[in-house]
Amino acid sequence: MTINKALVVEGGAMRGIFATGVLDAFLEAHYQPFKQCYGVSAGATNIAAYLCAQYKRNHAVITDYSCRPEFIDFVRFIKGGHLFDLDWLWQETMRDIRLDLETFEKQAAEFYIVATNINTGKAEYLKGHAQSLEEQLKASCALPIAYRQYPRVDNLQLADGGVADSIPVRKAYEMGNKDITVILSQPLGYKKKPSKAPWLVKRLYKENPALAMATLHRAENYNQSIDFIMNPPIDCHINIIAPPPTFAVGRTTKSFAKLSSGYNMGIDAGQQFLTQAA
């Protein structure tokens, strides 16, 4: 009996540099056994570059474009603008290093991009298509508050997929996958803590109460996914690729040295995984 292999990649903004390294190691080795791929936010953009066979494309996105002041600007944010200006980032990268949509269209894997429906608070698993891929990815990356718009895809208003399903490993299992490789953005042992100010979350999202509730349940959902990964069902095998404890990249890290180190950690982890998988 053939067991379908799936790939799940967590997001985490600049922490996505680790998964960039892992998937670049896979590309170098021409390793693509996955029938389905599930990505969230930066994890979705990493999978997109992987399925487009664009080695180091996302290394440039994270270590160069995402570090420019036009993208992350705390002063702009305090004045009411975007903390993460996805409009600028998408415009610049589509012009300079656009995803190879022709290659994506020819590859065989099903790609599910996770976004959060702001009206229901539930995860939407958007099946990636070349003609709408870039807008789907933008929706998955649209972190509420940090990016002050809600992209619309297929008549759905959407936000960052990590709000509703940060690590869609349970969805991958529900879809029939019994051999799942998960690339995390945090070292093993990390557990997300619940919000210390639920009242503030409700106030910030007063016009979108379902999104507020999803945000308040985010830590619980995240930790349930981690528990699933560490204790999968008896008929499911999970391969875990996680950053080492020395991984020093945070959500908004702009240090080239730290990002380069995180990328190299991903390369090393990917190569080590491939050695074991051979």
Protein backbone atom coordinates (compact mmCIF):
# COMPACT_ATOMS: atom_id res chain seq x y z
CA MET A 1 0.00 0.00 0.00
CA THR A 2 1.32 3.44 -0.95
CA ILE A 3 1.53 5.85 1.98
CA ASN A 4 1.14 9.48 0.96
CA LYS A 5 3.86 11.82 2.15
CA ALA A 6 2.94 15.35 3.18
CA LEU A 7 4.94 18.45 4.07
CA VAL A 8 3.81 20.96 6.72
CA VAL A 9 5.70 24.21 7.26
CA GLU A 10 5.05 26.62 10.12
CA GLY A 11 5.22 30.40 9.65
CA GLY A 12 6.71 32.96 11.98
CA ALA A 13 7.76 35.94 9.81
CA MET A 14 11.58 36.24 9.89
CA ARG A 15 11.85 32.93 11.76
CA GLY A 16 10.89 31.41 8.42
CA ILE A 17 14.58 31.69 7.45
CA PHE A 18 15.15 28.27 9.06
CA ALA A 19 12.61 26.57 6.80
CA THR A 20 14.12 28.45 3.86
CA GLY A 21 17.41 26.68 4.55
CA VAL A 22 15.77 23.29 5.00
CA LEU A 23 13.87 23.53 1.72
CA ASP A 24 16.91 24.86 -0.14
CA ALA A 25 18.76 21.75 1.04
CA PHE A 26 15.87 19.67 -0.36
CA LEU A 27 16.07 21.54 -3.68
CA GLU A 28 19.81 21.00 -3.94
CA ALA A 29 19.26 17.27 -3.45
CA HIS A 30 16.27 17.19 -5.86
CA TYR A 31 14.19 15.79 -2.99
CA GLN A 32 10.45 16.19 -3.55
CA PRO A 33 8.47 13.11 -2.45
CA PHE A 34 5.46 15.03 -1.12
CA LYS A 35 2.00 14.59 -2.60
CA GLN A 36 0.52 17.39 -0.51
CA CYS A 37 2.05 20.48 1.08
CA TYR A 38 0.53 22.70 3.78
CA GLY A 39 2.00 26.10 4.57
CA VAL A 40 1.18 28.99 6.87
CA SER A 41 2.30 32.58 6.32
CA ALA A 42 6.10 32.57 5.83
CA GLY A 43 5.86 28.78 5.72
CA ALA A 44 3.53 29.03 2.74
CA THR A 45 5.89 31.38 0.89
CA ASN A 46 8.73 28.96 1.59
CA ILE A 47 6.78 26.05 0.14
CA ALA A 48 5.86 28.16 -2.88
CA ALA A 49 9.53 28.84 -3.68
CA TYR A 50 10.28 25.14 -3.13
CA LEU A 51 7.54 23.99 -5.51
CA CYS A 52 8.69 26.61 -8.03
CA ALA A 53 12.23 25.17 -7.72
CA GLN A 54 13.70 28.60 -6.93
CA TYR A 55 16.81 27.93 -4.88
CA LYS A 56 17.69 30.82 -2.48
CA ARG A 57 14.77 32.91 -3.73
CA ASN A 58 13.34 33.24 -0.22
CA HIS A 59 16.79 33.73 1.26
CA ALA A 60 16.85 36.98 -0.74
CA VAL A 61 13.29 37.86 0.32
CA ILE A 62 14.05 37.47 4.03
CA THR A 63 17.65 38.69 4.30
CA ASP A 64 17.27 41.60 1.86
CA TYR A 65 13.77 42.78 0.97
CA SER A 66 12.18 42.03 4.35
CA CYS A 67 14.99 43.88 6.14
CA ARG A 68 14.52 47.11 4.21
CA PRO A 69 12.90 50.01 6.09
CA GLU A 70 10.08 50.10 3.56
CA PHE A 71 8.86 46.74 4.89
CA ILE A 72 9.29 46.79 8.70
CA ASP A 73 8.77 50.28 10.14
CA PHE A 74 7.87 50.72 13.83
CA VAL A 75 7.48 54.49 13.53
CA ARG A 76 5.02 54.07 10.66
CA PHE A 77 3.13 51.52 12.74
CA ILE A 78 2.87 53.85 15.74
CA LYS A 79 1.45 56.51 13.42
CA GLY A 80 -1.28 54.14 12.24
CA GLY A 81 0.36 52.48 9.24
CA HIS A 82 1.55 48.94 8.60
CA LEU A 83 4.24 47.36 10.73
CA PHE A 84 4.75 44.85 7.90
CA ASP A 85 3.97 46.52 4.56
CA LEU A 86 3.00 43.49 2.48
CA ASP A 87 1.85 45.70 -0.39
CA TRP A 88 5.38 47.05 -0.84
CA LEU A 89 7.02 43.65 -0.35
CA TRP A 90 4.78 41.92 -2.89
CA GLN A 91 5.26 44.73 -5.43
CA GLU A 92 9.05 44.67 -5.15
CA THR A 93 9.55 40.91 -5.12
CA MET A 94 7.06 40.31 -7.94
CA ARG A 95 9.06 42.78 -10.01
CA ASP A 96 12.55 41.52 -9.14
CA ILE A 97 12.31 37.84 -8.14
CA ARG A 98 8.81 36.73 -8.99
CA LEU A 99 7.77 33.17 -8.28
CA ASP A 100 8.13 30.89 -11.30
CA LEU A 101 4.42 30.29 -11.79
CA GLU A 102 4.96 28.27 -14.95
CA THR A 103 7.08 25.74 -13.04
CA PHE A 104 4.52 25.72 -10.22
CA GLU A 105 1.72 24.92 -12.64
CA LYS A 106 3.64 21.94 -14.03
CA GLN A 107 4.51 20.32 -10.69
CA ALA A 108 2.21 17.62 -9.30
CA ALA A 109 1.92 18.32 -5.55
CA GLU A 110 -1.28 19.75 -4.09
CA PHE A 111 -0.51 22.92 -2.15
CA TYR A 112 -2.80 24.14 0.64
CA ILE A 113 -2.26 27.68 1.88
CA VAL A 114 -3.69 28.39 5.32
CA ALA A 115 -5.48 31.68 6.00
CA THR A 116 -7.92 32.77 8.69
CA ASN A 117 -11.46 33.79 7.80
CA ILE A 118 -12.00 37.02 9.76
CA ASN A 119 -15.78 36.54 9.86
CA THR A 120 -15.77 32.99 11.23
CA GLY A 121 -12.38 32.79 12.93
CA LYS A 122 -11.85 29.43 11.22
CA ALA A 123 -8.98 28.28 9.04
CA GLU A 124 -9.42 28.32 5.29
CA TYR A 125 -7.23 25.85 3.40
CA LEU A 126 -6.86 27.51 0.02
CA LYS A 127 -5.75 25.17 -2.73
CA GLY A 128 -2.91 26.93 -4.50
CA HIS A 129 -3.37 27.74 -8.18
CA ALA A 130 -0.85 29.57 -10.36
CA GLN A 131 -3.33 32.26 -11.38
CA SER A 132 -4.13 33.24 -7.77
CA LEU A 133 -1.09 31.97 -5.87
CA GLU A 134 0.44 35.35 -5.06
CA GLU A 135 -2.78 36.77 -3.61
CA GLN A 136 -3.38 33.57 -1.62
CA LEU A 137 0.11 33.84 -0.13
CA LYS A 138 -0.41 37.49 0.72
CA ALA A 139 -3.61 36.62 2.58
CA SER A 140 -1.83 33.91 4.55
CA CYS A 141 0.84 36.44 5.61
CA ALA A 142 -1.55 39.28 6.55
CA LEU A 143 -0.89 39.40 10.29
CA PRO A 144 -3.75 41.33 11.89
CA ILE A 145 -2.88 44.76 13.28
CA ALA A 146 0.69 44.53 11.91
CA TYR A 147 -0.84 44.67 8.41
CA ARG A 148 -3.94 46.83 8.63
CA GLN A 149 -5.92 45.35 5.75
CA TYR A 150 -7.71 42.05 5.22
CA PRO A 151 -7.02 40.67 1.73
CA ARG A 152 -9.97 39.21 -0.13
CA VAL A 153 -9.64 35.90 -1.98
CA ASP A 154 -12.60 34.02 -3.46
CA ASN A 155 -14.94 36.54 -1.77
CA LEU A 156 -13.46 35.71 1.63
CA GLN A 157 -11.84 38.34 3.85
CA LEU A 158 -8.73 36.72 5.22
CA ALA A 159 -5.88 37.21 7.67
CA ASP A 160 -2.70 35.40 8.67
CA GLY A 161 -3.24 31.64 8.75
CA GLY A 162 -1.33 31.29 11.99
CA VAL A 163 -4.24 32.79 13.91
CA ALA A 164 -6.50 29.80 13.24
CA ASP A 165 -4.03 26.97 12.49
CA SER A 166 -0.34 27.72 13.03
CA ILE A 167 0.84 24.17 12.28
CA PRO A 168 -1.72 22.38 10.07
CA VAL A 169 -0.43 18.89 10.84
CA ARG A 170 -3.82 17.68 12.05
CA LYS A 171 -5.42 18.87 8.81
CA ALA A 172 -2.76 16.99 6.83
CA TYR A 173 -3.60 13.84 8.79
CA GLU A 174 -7.35 14.33 8.28
CA MET A 175 -6.67 14.56 4.54
CA GLY A 176 -5.31 11.01 4.61
CA ASN A 177 -1.57 11.59 4.99
CA LYS A 178 0.18 9.09 7.24
CA ASP A 179 3.81 10.13 6.69
CA ILE A 180 4.17 13.82 7.49
CA THR A 181 7.31 15.95 7.59
CA VAL A 182 6.90 19.05 9.76
CA ILE A 183 9.29 22.00 9.65
CA LEU A 184 8.92 24.13 12.77
CA SER A 185 10.02 27.71 13.43
CA GLN A 186 10.71 27.26 17.13
CA PRO A 187 13.08 24.82 18.88
CA LEU A 188 11.57 21.65 20.28
CA GLY A 189 9.98 22.17 23.67
CA TYR A 190 8.45 25.53 22.81
CA LYS A 191 4.86 26.04 23.93
CA LYS A 192 2.84 29.14 23.17
CA LYS A 193 1.51 31.09 26.15
CA PRO A 194 -2.04 32.46 26.21
CA SER A 195 -2.69 36.17 25.92
CA LYS A 196 -2.07 38.13 29.12
CA ALA A 197 -4.67 40.73 28.17
CA PRO A 198 -7.80 39.14 26.65
CA TRP A 199 -9.66 42.42 27.13
CA LEU A 200 -7.16 44.19 24.87
CA VAL A 201 -7.51 41.54 22.15
CA LYS A 202 -11.29 41.93 22.23
CA ARG A 203 -10.93 45.70 22.05
CA LEU A 204 -8.48 45.59 19.13
CA TYR A 205 -10.77 43.27 17.20
CA LYS A 206 -14.08 44.72 18.34
CA GLU A 207 -15.32 44.84 14.73
CA ASN A 208 -14.32 41.21 14.17
CA PRO A 209 -15.31 39.23 17.28
CA ALA A 210 -14.72 35.84 15.63
CA LEU A 211 -11.17 36.87 14.84
CA ALA A 212 -10.75 37.99 18.45
CA MET A 213 -11.86 34.58 19.71
CA ALA A 214 -9.53 32.80 17.28
CA THR A 215 -6.67 34.96 18.54
CA LEU A 216 -7.52 34.13 22.15
CA HIS A 217 -7.58 30.40 21.35
CA ARG A 218 -4.38 30.54 19.29
CA ALA A 219 -2.08 29.30 22.04
CA GLU A 220 -4.39 26.37 22.84
CA ASN A 221 -4.59 25.35 19.17
CA TYR A 222 -0.85 25.74 18.71
CA ASN A 223 -0.04 23.58 21.72
CA GLN A 224 -2.53 20.93 20.60
CA SER A 225 -0.68 20.74 17.28
CA ILE A 226 2.62 20.33 19.11
CA ASP A 227 1.09 17.56 21.24
CA PHE A 228 -0.13 15.84 18.05
CA ILE A 229 3.36 16.07 16.56
CA MET A 230 5.01 14.64 19.64
CA ASN A 231 2.36 11.94 20.14
CA PRO A 232 0.87 11.12 16.72
CA PRO A 233 -1.80 8.44 16.15
CA ILE A 234 -0.48 4.91 15.85
CA ASP A 235 -1.03 4.90 12.07
CA CYS A 236 0.87 8.16 11.49
CA HIS A 237 4.62 8.76 11.28
CA ILE A 238 5.85 12.32 11.78
CA ASN A 239 9.32 13.56 10.87
CA ILE A 240 10.22 16.68 12.86
CA ILE A 241 12.71 19.25 11.62
CA ALA A 242 13.14 22.03 14.17
CA PRO A 243 15.70 24.76 14.83
CA PRO A 244 18.35 24.02 17.46
CA PRO A 245 18.17 25.77 20.85
CA THR A 246 20.78 28.26 19.63
CA PHE A 247 18.43 29.59 16.92
CA ALA A 248 18.37 33.34 17.65
CA VAL A 249 15.91 34.67 15.06
CA GLY A 250 12.71 36.36 16.21
CA ARG A 251 9.62 37.51 14.32
CA THR A 252 11.16 40.92 13.44
CA THR A 253 14.91 40.13 13.46
CA LYS A 254 16.78 42.18 10.85
CA SER A 255 20.36 41.25 11.74
CA PHE A 256 21.97 39.76 8.64
CA ALA A 257 24.37 37.75 10.82
CA LYS A 258 21.54 36.18 12.82
CA LEU A 259 19.45 35.52 9.72
CA SER A 260 22.41 33.97 7.89
CA SER A 261 23.14 31.77 10.89
CA GLY A 262 19.49 30.69 11.02
CA TYR A 263 19.54 29.88 7.30
CA ASN A 264 22.69 27.78 7.70
CA MET A 265 21.06 25.94 10.60
CA GLY A 266 18.21 25.10 8.22
CA ILE A 267 20.63 23.89 5.54
CA ASP A 268 22.36 21.66 8.11
CA ALA A 269 19.07 20.30 9.44
CA GLY A 270 17.82 19.60 5.91
CA GLN A 271 21.00 17.79 4.94
CA GLN A 272 20.92 15.74 8.14
CA PHE A 273 17.31 14.78 7.46
CA LEU A 274 18.18 13.72 3.92
CA THR A 275 21.01 11.54 5.21
CA GLN A 276 18.59 9.74 7.50
CA ALA A 277 15.90 9.51 4.81
CA ALA A 278 18.28 7.93 2.27
